[in-house]
Amino acid sequence: MKVLVVVGTRPEAIKMAPVVGELRRRTDDFEVEVCLTAQHRELLDQVIGVFGITVDYDLDLMRPDQSIFDVTSRVLVEMGDVLTQAKPDVVLVHGDTTTTSATVGCVITFARIISSTQRPSLPRSYRRIARPNTKTLKRQSSQRPVGLMP
């Protein structure tokens, strides 16, 4: 099974590093590629170095004074190219960041036959909120469409 792990921030990298390591250890079962969006470049590079993660795709999206709209649009455009090239069977993302929600959105928008799973960063209540904050909105939008991990 071909797995694409997408990471954009330091917390995502810290939490996904053991997953990448275990999947790469199981070479008979998995072919693993890692894509960095580099939503937070400097902090992310430190973690990648510490864990010795080999990066297959680096979108290098960090820009001075970037807005959530800038990051989201660049992830959508660049991930389209990565998905076309990598042709993964499954895409793994973590948390509730812009990288996560835009990547899942890209998988869905492309209508690819790709499974996507999102690993929540913290336990959640899932009660309906009249006016969700940005993180809640990103988390819920990245989980609900694929129907995985409540």
Foldseek 3Di string as FASTA:
>chain_A
DEEEEEEEALVFLVVCLVVQVVQVVPVVVYDYAYEYAPCPPPNNVVSCVVSVPDHDHYNPQDDPPDDLVSSLVSLLVVLVVVCVVRVGQEYETEEQDSNQLSNLVNCVVVVDNHQYDYHYPDDDDPDDDPDDDNSVVSVCNNDPVRVDDD
